[in-house]
Amino acid sequence: QYIYDHYNEKITLESLSKVFYISPKALSKKIRKRLNVDLRLFINDIRVQRAMQMRDDPANKNKSLNEIAMLCGFTNMVTFYRSYERNFVLKKLEE
């Protein structure tokens, strides 16, 4: 839940380990086992899904996709487009 609430912030394994009082190595192992994906991909998947929700919101009609991506915590558009492809393009191809 913490990641869903703080997706637009800089989240690292180290910062999460401080929040949850667990070593980064142990936390990484738990995340990978539970989610079957590494932390970075999980966070970016949440960010891109939120960005698509914001894009479709009429309140954001004057914002560019770049602005929305940055508001969601992306630091560059290459990472955004990779996450977008993984979440929306590749999933449609699998269906």
PDB file of N, CA and C in Angstrom:
ATOM      1  N   GLN A   1       0.829  -1.194   0.000  1.00  0.00           N
ATOM      2  CA  GLN A   1       0.000   0.000   0.000  1.00  0.00           C
ATOM      3  C   GLN A   1       0.873   1.257   0.000  1.00  0.00           C
ATOM      4  N   TYR A   2       1.987   1.193   0.703  1.00  0.00           N
ATOM      5  CA  TYR A   2       2.890   2.340   0.774  1.00  0.00           C
ATOM      6  C   TYR A   2       3.295   2.790  -0.628  1.00  0.00           C
ATOM      7  N   ILE A   3       3.631   1.866  -1.486  1.00  0.00           N
ATOM      8  CA  ILE A   3       4.066   2.209  -2.845  1.00  0.00           C
ATOM      9  C   ILE A   3       2.923   2.841  -3.623  1.00  0.00           C
ATOM     10  N   TYR A   4       1.721   2.316  -3.476  1.00  0.00           N
ATOM     11  CA  TYR A   4       0.567   2.905  -4.156  1.00  0.00           C
ATOM     12  C   TYR A   4       0.302   4.335  -3.679  1.00  0.00           C
ATOM     13  N   ASP A   5       0.568   4.588  -2.427  1.00  0.00           N
ATOM     14  CA  ASP A   5       0.349   5.924  -1.870  1.00  0.00           C
ATOM     15  C   ASP A   5       1.471   6.910  -2.193  1.00  0.00           C
ATOM     16  N   HIS A   6       2.646   6.408  -2.509  1.00  0.00           N
ATOM     17  CA  HIS A   6       3.824   7.266  -2.710  1.00  0.00           C
ATOM     18  C   HIS A   6       4.481   7.057  -4.077  1.00  0.00           C
ATOM     19  N   TYR A   7       3.728   6.539  -5.049  1.00  0.00           N
ATOM     20  CA  TYR A   7       4.281   6.197  -6.365  1.00  0.00           C
ATOM     21  C   TYR A   7       4.987   7.362  -7.058  1.00  0.00           C
ATOM     22  N   ASN A   8       4.545   8.593  -6.773  1.00  0.00           N
ATOM     23  CA  ASN A   8       5.104   9.752  -7.474  1.00  0.00           C
ATOM     24  C   ASN A   8       6.370  10.288  -6.808  1.00  0.00           C
ATOM     25  N   GLU A   9       6.786   9.666  -5.728  1.00  0.00           N
ATOM     26  CA  GLU A   9       8.011  10.061  -5.039  1.00  0.00           C
ATOM     27  C   GLU A   9       9.160   9.161  -5.480  1.00  0.00           C
ATOM     28  N   LYS A  10      10.358   9.561  -5.126  1.00  0.00           N
ATOM     29  CA  LYS A  10      11.514   8.711  -5.413  1.00  0.00           C
ATOM     30  C   LYS A  10      11.509   7.578  -4.393  1.00  0.00           C
ATOM     31  N   ILE A  11      11.280   6.377  -4.879  1.00  0.00           N
ATOM     32  CA  ILE A  11      11.242   5.201  -4.013  1.00  0.00           C
ATOM     33  C   ILE A  11      12.381   4.280  -4.416  1.00  0.00           C
ATOM     34  N   THR A  12      13.184   3.933  -3.445  1.00  0.00           N
ATOM     35  CA  THR A  12      14.276   2.997  -3.674  1.00  0.00           C
ATOM     36  C   THR A  12      14.176   1.869  -2.658  1.00  0.00           C
ATOM     37  N   LEU A  13      14.904   0.834  -2.909  1.00  0.00           N
ATOM     38  CA  LEU A  13      14.961  -0.270  -1.961  1.00  0.00           C
ATOM     39  C   LEU A  13      15.459   0.228  -0.609  1.00  0.00           C
ATOM     40  N   GLU A  14      16.434   1.120  -0.654  1.00  0.00           N
ATOM     41  CA  GLU A  14      16.995   1.660   0.584  1.00  0.00           C
ATOM     42  C   GLU A  14      15.963   2.501   1.348  1.00  0.00           C
ATOM     43  N   SER A  15      15.225   3.335   0.627  1.00  0.00           N
ATOM     44  CA  SER A  15      14.234   4.172   1.315  1.00  0.00           C
ATOM     45  C   SER A  15      13.107   3.319   1.902  1.00  0.00           C
ATOM     46  N   LEU A  16      12.695   2.291   1.174  1.00  0.00           N
ATOM     47  CA  LEU A  16      11.655   1.398   1.700  1.00  0.00           C
ATOM     48  C   LEU A  16      12.153   0.600   2.893  1.00  0.00           C
ATOM     49  N   SER A  17      13.402   0.204   2.846  1.00  0.00           N
ATOM     50  CA  SER A  17      13.937  -0.584   3.965  1.00  0.00           C
ATOM     51  C   SER A  17      13.948   0.243   5.246  1.00  0.00           C
ATOM     52  N   LYS A  18      14.144   1.547   5.122  1.00  0.00           N
ATOM     53  CA  LYS A  18      14.102   2.423   6.302  1.00  0.00           C
ATOM     54  C   LYS A  18      12.669   2.580   6.820  1.00  0.00           C
ATOM     55  N   VAL A  19      11.727   2.670   5.908  1.00  0.00           N
ATOM     56  CA  VAL A  19      10.324   2.810   6.300  1.00  0.00           C
ATOM     57  C   VAL A  19       9.845   1.561   7.042  1.00  0.00           C
ATOM     58  N   PHE A  20      10.253   0.384   6.558  1.00  0.00           N
ATOM     59  CA  PHE A  20       9.747  -0.871   7.116  1.00  0.00           C
ATOM     60  C   PHE A  20      10.731  -1.570   8.053  1.00  0.00           C
ATOM     61  N   TYR A  21      11.840  -0.919   8.349  1.00  0.00           N
ATOM     62  CA  TYR A  21      12.821  -1.455   9.305  1.00  0.00           C
ATOM     63  C   TYR A  21      13.257  -2.883   8.959  1.00  0.00           C
ATOM     64  N   ILE A  22      13.682  -3.044   7.715  1.00  0.00           N
ATOM     65  CA  ILE A  22      14.156  -4.340   7.236  1.00  0.00           C
ATOM     66  C   ILE A  22      15.351  -4.072   6.328  1.00  0.00           C
ATOM     67  N   SER A  23      16.259  -4.980   6.262  1.00  0.00           N
ATOM     68  CA  SER A  23      17.438  -4.758   5.417  1.00  0.00           C
ATOM     69  C   SER A  23      17.022  -4.719   3.946  1.00  0.00           C
ATOM     70  N   PRO A  24      17.733  -3.936   3.137  1.00  0.00           N
ATOM     71  CA  PRO A  24      17.408  -3.878   1.706  1.00  0.00           C
ATOM     72  C   PRO A  24      17.428  -5.258   1.039  1.00  0.00           C
ATOM     73  N   LYS A  25      18.398  -6.067   1.420  1.00  0.00           N
ATOM     74  CA  LYS A  25      18.510  -7.402   0.814  1.00  0.00           C
ATOM     75  C   LYS A  25      17.294  -8.269   1.161  1.00  0.00           C
ATOM     76  N   ALA A  26      16.900  -8.268   2.422  1.00  0.00           N
ATOM     77  CA  ALA A  26      15.741  -9.057   2.844  1.00  0.00           C
ATOM     78  C   ALA A  26      14.457  -8.536   2.196  1.00  0.00           C
ATOM     79  N   LEU A  27      14.327  -7.221   2.106  1.00  0.00           N
ATOM     80  CA  LEU A  27      13.144  -6.621   1.487  1.00  0.00           C
ATOM     81  C   LEU A  27      13.072  -6.975   0.007  1.00  0.00           C
ATOM     82  N   SER A  28      14.194  -6.888  -0.674  1.00  0.00           N
ATOM     83  CA  SER A  28      14.241  -7.239  -2.090  1.00  0.00           C
ATOM     84  C   SER A  28      13.795  -8.678  -2.313  1.00  0.00           C
ATOM     85  N   LYS A  29      14.268  -9.555  -1.478  1.00  0.00           N
ATOM     86  CA  LYS A  29      13.913 -10.967  -1.585  1.00  0.00           C
ATOM     87  C   LYS A  29      12.411 -11.165  -1.371  1.00  0.00           C
ATOM     88  N   LYS A  30      11.854 -10.486  -0.378  1.00  0.00           N
ATOM     89  CA  LYS A  30      10.416 -10.604  -0.092  1.00  0.00           C
ATOM     90  C   LYS A  30       9.573 -10.046  -1.240  1.00  0.00           C
ATOM     91  N   ILE A  31       9.986  -8.904  -1.774  1.00  0.00           N
ATOM     92  CA  ILE A  31       9.238  -8.289  -2.876  1.00  0.00           C
ATOM     93  C   ILE A  31       9.258  -9.183  -4.097  1.00  0.00           C
ATOM     94  N   ARG A  32      10.423  -9.669  -4.446  1.00  0.00           N
ATOM     95  CA  ARG A  32      10.543 -10.527  -5.628  1.00  0.00           C
ATOM     96  C   ARG A  32       9.722 -11.811  -5.458  1.00  0.00           C
ATOM     97  N   LYS A  33       9.752 -12.395  -4.266  1.00  0.00           N
ATOM     98  CA  LYS A  33       8.997 -13.627  -4.020  1.00  0.00           C
ATOM     99  C   LYS A  33       7.490 -13.373  -4.081  1.00  0.00           C
ATOM    100  N   ARG A  34       7.059 -12.275  -3.482  1.00  0.00           N
ATOM    101  CA  ARG A  34       5.625 -11.965  -3.406  1.00  0.00           C
ATOM    102  C   ARG A  34       5.052 -11.475  -4.741  1.00  0.00           C
ATOM    103  N   LEU A  35       5.799 -10.610  -5.436  1.00  0.00           N
ATOM    104  CA  LEU A  35       5.286  -9.976  -6.648  1.00  0.00           C
ATOM    105  C   LEU A  35       5.792 -10.611  -7.937  1.00  0.00           C
ATOM    106  N   ASN A  36       6.817 -11.425  -7.828  1.00  0.00           N
ATOM    107  CA  ASN A  36       7.437 -12.069  -8.984  1.00  0.00           C
ATOM    108  C   ASN A  36       7.991 -11.057  -9.994  1.00  0.00           C
ATOM    109  N   VAL A  37       8.421  -9.908  -9.479  1.00  0.00           N
ATOM    110  CA  VAL A  37       9.018  -8.860 -10.305  1.00  0.00           C
ATOM    111  C   VAL A  37       9.894  -8.008  -9.397  1.00  0.00           C
ATOM    112  N   ASP A  38      10.876  -7.358  -9.960  1.00  0.00           N
ATOM    113  CA  ASP A  38      11.709  -6.534  -9.076  1.00  0.00           C
ATOM    114  C   ASP A  38      11.021  -5.209  -8.755  1.00  0.00           C
ATOM    115  N   LEU A  39      11.475  -4.585  -7.702  1.00  0.00           N
ATOM    116  CA  LEU A  39      10.846  -3.374  -7.167  1.00  0.00           C
ATOM    117  C   LEU A  39      10.727  -2.275  -8.210  1.00  0.00           C
ATOM    118  N   ARG A  40      11.777  -2.045  -8.956  1.00  0.00           N
ATOM    119  CA  ARG A  40      11.790  -0.958  -9.938  1.00  0.00           C
ATOM    120  C   ARG A  40      10.673  -1.136 -10.968  1.00  0.00           C
ATOM    121  N   LEU A  41      10.517  -2.342 -11.485  1.00  0.00           N
ATOM    122  CA  LEU A  41       9.463  -2.600 -12.467  1.00  0.00           C
ATOM    123  C   LEU A  41       8.078  -2.451 -11.843  1.00  0.00           C
ATOM    124  N   PHE A  42       7.918  -2.923 -10.631  1.00  0.00           N
ATOM    125  CA  PHE A  42       6.637  -2.810  -9.941  1.00  0.00           C
ATOM    126  C   PHE A  42       6.231  -1.346  -9.778  1.00  0.00           C
ATOM    127  N   ILE A  43       7.157  -0.524  -9.336  1.00  0.00           N
ATOM    128  CA  ILE A  43       6.874   0.900  -9.142  1.00  0.00           C
ATOM    129  C   ILE A  43       6.535   1.560 -10.473  1.00  0.00           C
ATOM    130  N   ASN A  44       7.305   1.273 -11.510  1.00  0.00           N
ATOM    131  CA  ASN A  44       7.036   1.887 -12.814  1.00  0.00           C
ATOM    132  C   ASN A  44       5.721   1.410 -13.416  1.00  0.00           C
ATOM    133  N   ASP A  45       5.338   0.172 -13.130  1.00  0.00           N
ATOM    134  CA  ASP A  45       4.035  -0.314 -13.596  1.00  0.00           C
ATOM    135  C   ASP A  45       2.903   0.473 -12.937  1.00  0.00           C
ATOM    136  N   ILE A  46       3.026   0.721 -11.663  1.00  0.00           N
ATOM    137  CA  ILE A  46       2.024   1.524 -10.955  1.00  0.00           C
ATOM    138  C   ILE A  46       1.997   2.937 -11.524  1.00  0.00           C
ATOM    139  N   ARG A  47       3.162   3.506 -11.748  1.00  0.00           N
ATOM    140  CA  ARG A  47       3.246   4.877 -12.274  1.00  0.00           C
ATOM    141  C   ARG A  47       2.595   5.002 -13.646  1.00  0.00           C
ATOM    142  N   VAL A  48       2.868   4.061 -14.533  1.00  0.00           N
ATOM    143  CA  VAL A  48       2.315   4.172 -15.887  1.00  0.00           C
ATOM    144  C   VAL A  48       0.805   3.962 -15.865  1.00  0.00           C
ATOM    145  N   GLN A  49       0.317   3.092 -15.007  1.00  0.00           N
ATOM    146  CA  GLN A  49      -1.130   2.905 -14.902  1.00  0.00           C
ATOM    147  C   GLN A  49      -1.798   4.176 -14.375  1.00  0.00           C
ATOM    148  N   ARG A  50      -1.179   4.792 -13.406  1.00  0.00           N
ATOM    149  CA  ARG A  50      -1.716   6.057 -12.871  1.00  0.00           C
ATOM    150  C   ARG A  50      -1.648   7.159 -13.928  1.00  0.00           C
ATOM    151  N   ALA A  51      -0.572   7.192 -14.694  1.00  0.00           N
ATOM    152  CA  ALA A  51      -0.433   8.206 -15.751  1.00  0.00           C
ATOM    153  C   ALA A  51      -1.549   8.070 -16.785  1.00  0.00           C
ATOM    154  N   MET A  52      -1.912   6.844 -17.132  1.00  0.00           N
ATOM    155  CA  MET A  52      -2.981   6.638 -18.110  1.00  0.00           C
ATOM    156  C   MET A  52      -4.331   7.063 -17.531  1.00  0.00           C
ATOM    157  N   GLN A  53      -4.523   6.848 -16.232  1.00  0.00           N
ATOM    158  CA  GLN A  53      -5.753   7.331 -15.589  1.00  0.00           C
ATOM    159  C   GLN A  53      -5.792   8.852 -15.600  1.00  0.00           C
ATOM    160  N   MET A  54      -4.660   9.474 -15.298  1.00  0.00           N
ATOM    161  CA  MET A  54      -4.608  10.944 -15.295  1.00  0.00           C
ATOM    162  C   MET A  54      -4.807  11.503 -16.697  1.00  0.00           C
ATOM    163  N   ARG A  55      -4.243  10.837 -17.694  1.00  0.00           N
ATOM    164  CA  ARG A  55      -4.384  11.300 -19.080  1.00  0.00           C
ATOM    165  C   ARG A  55      -5.848  11.322 -19.497  1.00  0.00           C
ATOM    166  N   ASP A  56      -6.611  10.348 -19.030  1.00  0.00           N
ATOM    167  CA  ASP A  56      -8.017  10.246 -19.410  1.00  0.00           C
ATOM    168  C   ASP A  56      -8.937  11.138 -18.580  1.00  0.00           C
ATOM    169  N   ASP A  57      -8.399  11.748 -17.552  1.00  0.00           N
ATOM    170  CA  ASP A  57      -9.177  12.629 -16.680  1.00  0.00           C
ATOM    171  C   ASP A  57      -9.309  14.003 -17.340  1.00  0.00           C
ATOM    172  N   PRO A  58     -10.534  14.491 -17.560  1.00  0.00           N
ATOM    173  CA  PRO A  58     -10.729  15.801 -18.193  1.00  0.00           C
ATOM    174  C   PRO A  58     -10.009  16.944 -17.454  1.00  0.00           C
ATOM    175  N   ALA A  59      -9.759  16.786 -16.179  1.00  0.00           N
ATOM    176  CA  ALA A  59      -9.060  17.827 -15.414  1.00  0.00           C
ATOM    177  C   ALA A  59      -7.621  18.014 -15.897  1.00  0.00           C
ATOM    178  N   ASN A  60      -7.097  17.022 -16.613  1.00  0.00           N
ATOM    179  CA  ASN A  60      -5.713  17.087 -17.091  1.00  0.00           C
ATOM    180  C   ASN A  60      -5.609  17.303 -18.596  1.00  0.00           C
ATOM    181  N   LYS A  61      -6.696  17.753 -19.215  1.00  0.00           N
ATOM    182  CA  LYS A  61      -6.711  17.863 -20.676  1.00  0.00           C
ATOM    183  C   LYS A  61      -5.668  18.837 -21.221  1.00  0.00           C
ATOM    184  N   ASN A  62      -5.229  19.795 -20.430  1.00  0.00           N
ATOM    185  CA  ASN A  62      -4.231  20.760 -20.892  1.00  0.00           C
ATOM    186  C   ASN A  62      -2.797  20.345 -20.569  1.00  0.00           C
ATOM    187  N   LYS A  63      -2.632  19.177 -19.963  1.00  0.00           N
ATOM    188  CA  LYS A  63      -1.296  18.699 -19.632  1.00  0.00           C
ATOM    189  C   LYS A  63      -0.798  17.761 -20.726  1.00  0.00           C
ATOM    190  N   SER A  64       0.471  17.866 -21.033  1.00  0.00           N
ATOM    191  CA  SER A  64       1.067  16.955 -22.002  1.00  0.00           C
ATOM    192  C   SER A  64       1.318  15.610 -21.331  1.00  0.00           C
ATOM    193  N   LEU A  65       1.513  14.584 -22.139  1.00  0.00           N
ATOM    194  CA  LEU A  65       1.828  13.266 -21.600  1.00  0.00           C
ATOM    195  C   LEU A  65       3.145  13.314 -20.823  1.00  0.00           C
ATOM    196  N   ASN A  66       4.072  14.103 -21.297  1.00  0.00           N
ATOM    197  CA  ASN A  66       5.348  14.279 -20.603  1.00  0.00           C
ATOM    198  C   ASN A  66       5.129  14.851 -19.200  1.00  0.00           C
ATOM    199  N   GLU A  67       4.296  15.878 -19.098  1.00  0.00           N
ATOM    200  CA  GLU A  67       3.995  16.474 -17.787  1.00  0.00           C
ATOM    201  C   GLU A  67       3.347  15.460 -16.856  1.00  0.00           C
ATOM    202  N   ILE A  68       2.399  14.720 -17.391  1.00  0.00           N
ATOM    203  CA  ILE A  68       1.710  13.723 -16.577  1.00  0.00           C
ATOM    204  C   ILE A  68       2.683  12.649 -16.106  1.00  0.00           C
ATOM    205  N   ALA A  69       3.533  12.192 -17.001  1.00  0.00           N
ATOM    206  CA  ALA A  69       4.524  11.170 -16.629  1.00  0.00           C
ATOM    207  C   ALA A  69       5.431  11.668 -15.509  1.00  0.00           C
ATOM    208  N   MET A  70       5.852  12.921 -15.603  1.00  0.00           N
ATOM    209  CA  MET A  70       6.729  13.480 -14.572  1.00  0.00           C
ATOM    210  C   MET A  70       5.974  13.617 -13.232  1.00  0.00           C
ATOM    211  N   LEU A  71       4.700  13.983 -13.293  1.00  0.00           N
ATOM    212  CA  LEU A  71       3.893  14.076 -12.074  1.00  0.00           C
ATOM    213  C   LEU A  71       3.726  12.714 -11.403  1.00  0.00           C
ATOM    214  N   CYS A  72       3.809  11.668 -12.199  1.00  0.00           N
ATOM    215  CA  CYS A  72       3.663  10.314 -11.675  1.00  0.00           C
ATOM    216  C   CYS A  72       4.979   9.715 -11.193  1.00  0.00           C
ATOM    217  N   GLY A  73       6.045  10.479 -11.274  1.00  0.00           N
ATOM    218  CA  GLY A  73       7.308  10.009 -10.724  1.00  0.00           C
ATOM    219  C   GLY A  73       8.343   9.547 -11.729  1.00  0.00           C
ATOM    220  N   PHE A  74       8.000   9.562 -13.014  1.00  0.00           N
ATOM    221  CA  PHE A  74       9.007   9.199 -14.012  1.00  0.00           C
ATOM    222  C   PHE A  74      10.015  10.333 -14.138  1.00  0.00           C
ATOM    223  N   THR A  75      11.262   9.979 -14.340  1.00  0.00           N
ATOM    224  CA  THR A  75      12.291  11.003 -14.513  1.00  0.00           C
ATOM    225  C   THR A  75      12.684  11.163 -15.970  1.00  0.00           C
ATOM    226  N   ASN A  76      12.243  10.239 -16.824  1.00  0.00           N
ATOM    227  CA  ASN A  76      12.475  10.386 -18.260  1.00  0.00           C
ATOM    228  C   ASN A  76      11.423   9.607 -19.037  1.00  0.00           C
ATOM    229  N   MET A  77      11.230  10.004 -20.270  1.00  0.00           N
ATOM    230  CA  MET A  77      10.172   9.403 -21.074  1.00  0.00           C
ATOM    231  C   MET A  77      10.550   8.029 -21.620  1.00  0.00           C
ATOM    232  N   VAL A  78      11.819   7.727 -21.711  1.00  0.00           N
ATOM    233  CA  VAL A  78      12.225   6.398 -22.164  1.00  0.00           C
ATOM    234  C   VAL A  78      11.695   5.342 -21.198  1.00  0.00           C
ATOM    235  N   THR A  79      11.867   5.575 -19.918  1.00  0.00           N
ATOM    236  CA  THR A  79      11.374   4.645 -18.908  1.00  0.00           C
ATOM    237  C   THR A  79       9.853   4.576 -18.959  1.00  0.00           C
ATOM    238  N   PHE A  80       9.204   5.717 -19.139  1.00  0.00           N
ATOM    239  CA  PHE A  80       7.752   5.729 -19.257  1.00  0.00           C
ATOM    240  C   PHE A  80       7.295   4.854 -20.420  1.00  0.00           C
ATOM    241  N   TYR A  81       7.890   5.042 -21.595  1.00  0.00           N
ATOM    242  CA  TYR A  81       7.464   4.285 -22.771  1.00  0.00           C
ATOM    243  C   TYR A  81       7.748   2.791 -22.625  1.00  0.00           C
ATOM    244  N   ARG A  82       8.834   2.429 -21.966  1.00  0.00           N
ATOM    245  CA  ARG A  82       9.107   1.010 -21.708  1.00  0.00           C
ATOM    246  C   ARG A  82       8.019   0.416 -20.815  1.00  0.00           C
ATOM    247  N   SER A  83       7.650   1.153 -19.778  1.00  0.00           N
ATOM    248  CA  SER A  83       6.600   0.686 -18.875  1.00  0.00           C
ATOM    249  C   SER A  83       5.254   0.626 -19.588  1.00  0.00           C
ATOM    250  N   TYR A  84       4.995   1.614 -20.413  1.00  0.00           N
ATOM    251  CA  TYR A  84       3.750   1.641 -21.180  1.00  0.00           C
ATOM    252  C   TYR A  84       3.662   0.412 -22.082  1.00  0.00           C
ATOM    253  N   GLU A  85       4.729   0.132 -22.793  1.00  0.00           N
ATOM    254  CA  GLU A  85       4.737  -1.019 -23.693  1.00  0.00           C
ATOM    255  C   GLU A  85       4.523  -2.318 -22.913  1.00  0.00           C
ATOM    256  N   ARG A  86       5.203  -2.462 -21.804  1.00  0.00           N
ATOM    257  CA  ARG A  86       5.082  -3.681 -20.999  1.00  0.00           C
ATOM    258  C   ARG A  86       3.653  -3.848 -20.460  1.00  0.00           C
ATOM    259  N   ASN A  87       3.007  -2.753 -20.101  1.00  0.00           N
ATOM    260  CA  ASN A  87       1.691  -2.820 -19.475  1.00  0.00           C
ATOM    261  C   ASN A  87       0.516  -2.790 -20.439  1.00  0.00           C
ATOM    262  N   PHE A  88       0.688  -2.154 -21.571  1.00  0.00           N
ATOM    263  CA  PHE A  88      -0.456  -1.974 -22.452  1.00  0.00           C
ATOM    264  C   PHE A  88      -0.286  -2.634 -23.819  1.00  0.00           C
ATOM    265  N   VAL A  89       0.872  -2.551 -24.406  1.00  0.00           N
ATOM    266  CA  VAL A  89       1.080  -3.110 -25.743  1.00  0.00           C
ATOM    267  C   VAL A  89       1.288  -4.617 -25.672  1.00  0.00           C
ATOM    268  N   LEU A  90       2.248  -5.051 -24.854  1.00  0.00           N
ATOM    269  CA  LEU A  90       2.556  -6.473 -24.778  1.00  0.00           C
ATOM    270  C   LEU A  90       1.411  -7.280 -24.183  1.00  0.00           C
ATOM    271  N   LYS A  91       0.686  -6.723 -23.240  1.00  0.00           N
ATOM    272  CA  LYS A  91      -0.446  -7.438 -22.653  1.00  0.00           C
ATOM    273  C   LYS A  91      -1.554  -7.640 -23.669  1.00  0.00           C
ATOM    274  N   LYS A  92      -1.754  -6.662 -24.544  1.00  0.00           N
ATOM    275  CA  LYS A  92      -2.779  -6.824 -25.586  1.00  0.00           C
ATOM    276  C   LYS A  92      -2.362  -7.889 -26.582  1.00  0.00           C
ATOM    277  N   LEU A  93      -1.066  -7.965 -26.884  1.00  0.00           N
ATOM    278  CA  LEU A  93      -0.586  -8.969 -27.813  1.00  0.00           C
ATOM    279  C   LEU A  93      -0.737 -10.370 -27.235  1.00  0.00           C
ATOM    280  N   GLU A  94      -0.635 -10.488 -25.914  1.00  0.00           N
ATOM    281  CA  GLU A  94      -0.759 -11.784 -25.255  1.00  0.00           C
ATOM    282  C   GLU A  94      -2.204 -12.270 -25.231  1.00  0.00           C
ATOM    283  N   GLU A  95      -3.163 -11.364 -25.332  1.00  0.00           N
ATOM    284  CA  GLU A  95      -4.591 -11.732 -25.233  1.00  0.00           C
ATOM    285  C   GLU A  95      -5.096 -12.394 -26.473  1.00  0.00           C
TER     286      GLU A  95
END
